[in-house]
Amino acid sequence: MQADRESFLKMILKNMGRGKVCVEVGVMKGEHAKMMLDILHPSKLILVDLWRSRPEAEQETRTLFAGNPIIELIKDNSENVNIGPVDFVYIDTFHNKPAVERDLNHWWPQVRKGGWMTGHDYGMVPESPMFIEVEDAVDDFAVRHERFVQTWKNDWLKEWAIKK
């Protein structure tokens, strides 16, 4: 699955270029954020998570990025974070439709024209039917904003992307 996520990020890099302001919403242990840092080469990488039920994951993330001047960690609900124009947002938080809709509606105005709003867990998995709610929310959002949803399949789910 990591190789597929890498190819997804490389496609974004090809379309977006280096040196952009990037955000990950839903960081967990920072593994995907590290991949974003290594592949996208952002000028700034802002990581947003509550880490409410996983304090050890927050500590792992803080340790992983300690001393890196382009990383900003924000421990807050994503709805409370207003950071201005960004080039790339990757959403991987709660997977129920209302939560996904809130994140999409909150972050879209912060994405610059030509930027990308993207995420994970798009599709149906028999073991996790909640992921269909991510797909429904993203598709509904794209229709309302007259945008296309691009997807990339990994081992069992898809990455999704909407260009502004």
Protein backbone atom coordinates (compact mmCIF):
# COMPACT_ATOMS: atom_id res chain seq x y z
CA MET A 1 0.00 0.00 0.00
CA GLN A 2 2.85 2.42 0.72
CA ALA A 3 4.10 2.21 -2.89
CA ASP A 4 0.63 3.17 -4.14
CA ARG A 5 0.44 6.12 -1.79
CA GLU A 6 3.89 7.17 -2.99
CA SER A 7 2.78 7.06 -6.64
CA PHE A 8 -0.30 9.11 -5.71
CA LEU A 9 1.87 11.78 -4.08
CA LYS A 10 4.28 11.74 -7.04
CA MET A 11 1.34 12.44 -9.36
CA ILE A 12 0.34 15.37 -7.15
CA LEU A 13 3.94 16.65 -7.19
CA LYS A 14 4.04 16.43 -10.99
CA ASN A 15 0.87 18.55 -11.19
CA MET A 16 1.63 20.93 -8.34
CA GLY A 17 5.41 21.33 -8.10
CA ARG A 18 7.67 21.65 -5.05
CA GLY A 19 7.74 24.35 -2.43
CA LYS A 20 4.02 24.50 -1.69
CA VAL A 21 2.07 24.85 1.55
CA CYS A 22 0.62 21.45 2.44
CA VAL A 23 -1.71 20.26 5.19
CA GLU A 24 -2.52 16.83 6.54
CA VAL A 25 -5.72 16.57 8.58
CA GLY A 26 -5.68 13.35 10.59
CA VAL A 27 -2.03 12.59 11.21
CA MET A 28 -2.01 9.57 13.53
CA LYS A 29 1.71 8.68 13.94
CA GLY A 30 2.99 10.92 11.14
CA GLU A 31 3.96 8.15 8.73
CA HIS A 32 2.00 9.57 5.78
CA ALA A 33 3.09 13.09 6.70
CA LYS A 34 6.71 11.93 6.48
CA MET A 35 5.99 10.54 3.03
CA MET A 36 4.43 13.88 2.07
CA LEU A 37 7.52 15.70 3.33
CA ASP A 38 9.90 13.43 1.41
CA ILE A 39 7.96 13.42 -1.88
CA LEU A 40 6.25 16.82 -2.08
CA HIS A 41 9.13 18.90 -0.66
CA PRO A 42 6.74 21.52 0.75
CA SER A 43 7.78 24.97 1.93
CA LYS A 44 5.54 24.33 4.94
CA LEU A 45 3.77 21.20 6.18
CA ILE A 46 0.98 21.75 8.68
CA LEU A 47 -0.23 18.68 10.60
CA VAL A 48 -3.64 18.83 12.28
CA ASP A 49 -4.96 16.17 14.65
CA LEU A 50 -6.69 15.90 18.00
CA TRP A 51 -4.82 12.75 19.01
CA ARG A 52 -7.56 12.49 21.62
CA SER A 53 -7.58 8.73 22.02
CA ARG A 54 -3.97 8.16 20.96
CA PRO A 55 -1.51 10.22 23.02
CA GLU A 56 1.30 7.82 22.08
CA ALA A 57 0.70 8.60 18.38
CA GLU A 58 0.98 12.31 19.10
CA GLN A 59 4.29 11.76 20.88
CA GLU A 60 5.60 9.64 17.99
CA THR A 61 4.66 12.42 15.56
CA ARG A 62 6.29 15.11 17.69
CA THR A 63 9.45 13.01 17.96
CA LEU A 64 9.51 12.24 14.23
CA PHE A 65 9.37 15.92 13.27
CA ALA A 66 11.23 17.48 16.21
CA GLY A 67 13.42 20.36 15.12
CA ASN A 68 12.10 20.49 11.55
CA PRO A 69 11.44 24.20 10.87
CA ILE A 70 8.90 23.68 8.09
CA ILE A 71 6.62 21.47 10.22
CA GLU A 72 3.81 22.99 12.25
CA LEU A 73 1.80 20.68 14.51
CA ILE A 74 -1.67 21.81 15.51
CA LYS A 75 -3.54 19.86 18.17
CA ASP A 76 -7.12 20.89 17.54
CA ASN A 77 -10.33 19.96 15.81
CA SER A 78 -9.83 20.65 12.10
CA GLU A 79 -12.92 22.88 12.04
CA ASN A 80 -11.08 25.33 14.31
CA VAL A 81 -8.03 25.64 12.06
CA ASN A 82 -7.96 28.56 9.65
CA ILE A 83 -4.51 29.01 8.20
CA GLY A 84 -5.17 30.88 5.00
CA PRO A 85 -4.42 29.78 1.48
CA VAL A 86 -2.81 26.37 1.04
CA ASP A 87 -1.88 24.37 -2.04
CA PHE A 88 -2.62 20.85 -0.87
CA VAL A 89 -4.86 19.36 1.82
CA TYR A 90 -4.92 15.64 2.62
CA ILE A 91 -7.91 14.57 4.72
CA ASP A 92 -7.90 11.30 6.66
CA THR A 93 -9.97 11.87 9.78
CA PHE A 94 -13.37 10.56 10.82
CA HIS A 95 -15.06 8.40 8.18
CA ASN A 96 -18.75 9.13 8.69
CA LYS A 97 -20.47 11.27 6.08
CA PRO A 98 -21.26 14.30 8.30
CA ALA A 99 -17.63 14.51 9.50
CA VAL A 100 -16.24 14.19 5.98
CA GLU A 101 -18.66 16.86 4.74
CA ARG A 102 -17.56 19.22 7.54
CA ASP A 103 -13.89 18.75 6.64
CA LEU A 104 -14.52 19.21 2.92
CA ASN A 105 -16.59 22.35 3.45
CA HIS A 106 -14.12 23.78 5.94
CA TRP A 107 -10.92 23.20 3.96
CA TRP A 108 -12.12 23.92 0.41
CA PRO A 109 -12.16 27.73 0.86
CA GLN A 110 -8.58 27.53 2.16
CA VAL A 111 -7.29 25.76 -0.97
CA ARG A 112 -5.80 28.09 -3.59
CA LYS A 113 -7.12 28.00 -7.14
CA GLY A 114 -5.17 25.24 -8.89
CA GLY A 115 -4.53 23.50 -5.54
CA TRP A 116 -5.65 20.05 -4.48
CA MET A 117 -7.95 18.69 -1.79
CA THR A 118 -7.28 14.99 -1.37
CA GLY A 119 -7.76 12.11 1.01
CA HIS A 120 -7.84 8.45 1.78
CA ASP A 121 -10.36 5.67 2.39
CA TYR A 122 -12.54 6.31 -0.67
CA GLY A 123 -14.54 3.22 -1.47
CA MET A 124 -16.20 0.14 -0.09
CA VAL A 125 -14.51 -2.53 1.97
CA PRO A 126 -16.62 -5.47 3.17
CA GLU A 127 -14.93 -5.36 6.58
CA SER A 128 -15.47 -1.58 6.91
CA PRO A 129 -18.72 -0.41 5.32
CA MET A 130 -18.21 3.07 6.80
CA PHE A 131 -15.74 3.90 4.04
CA ILE A 132 -18.63 4.16 1.57
CA GLU A 133 -19.62 7.27 3.52
CA VAL A 134 -16.30 8.90 2.57
CA GLU A 135 -17.00 8.17 -1.09
CA ASP A 136 -20.57 9.50 -0.85
CA ALA A 137 -19.48 12.72 0.86
CA VAL A 138 -16.63 13.35 -1.60
CA ASP A 139 -18.81 12.62 -4.63
CA ASP A 140 -21.64 14.85 -3.38
CA PHE A 141 -19.16 17.65 -2.68
CA ALA A 142 -17.62 17.37 -6.14
CA VAL A 143 -21.03 17.55 -7.82
CA ARG A 144 -22.00 20.65 -5.80
CA HIS A 145 -18.72 22.34 -6.78
CA GLU A 146 -18.76 21.09 -10.38
CA ARG A 147 -15.47 19.24 -10.00
CA PHE A 148 -14.24 15.81 -10.95
CA VAL A 149 -13.02 13.28 -8.40
CA GLN A 150 -9.84 11.50 -9.44
CA THR A 151 -9.04 8.23 -7.68
CA TRP A 152 -6.02 5.97 -7.35
CA LYS A 153 -6.45 2.46 -6.08
CA ASN A 154 -4.13 1.07 -3.47
CA ASP A 155 -4.27 -2.46 -2.04
CA TRP A 156 -7.82 -2.22 -0.78
CA LEU A 157 -9.03 1.37 -0.88
CA LYS A 158 -8.52 4.44 -3.00
CA GLU A 159 -6.90 7.80 -2.63
CA TRP A 160 -9.10 10.62 -3.96
CA ALA A 161 -8.28 14.07 -5.28
CA ILE A 162 -10.23 17.15 -6.37
CA LYS A 163 -8.42 19.99 -8.11
CA LYS A 164 -9.67 23.51 -7.42
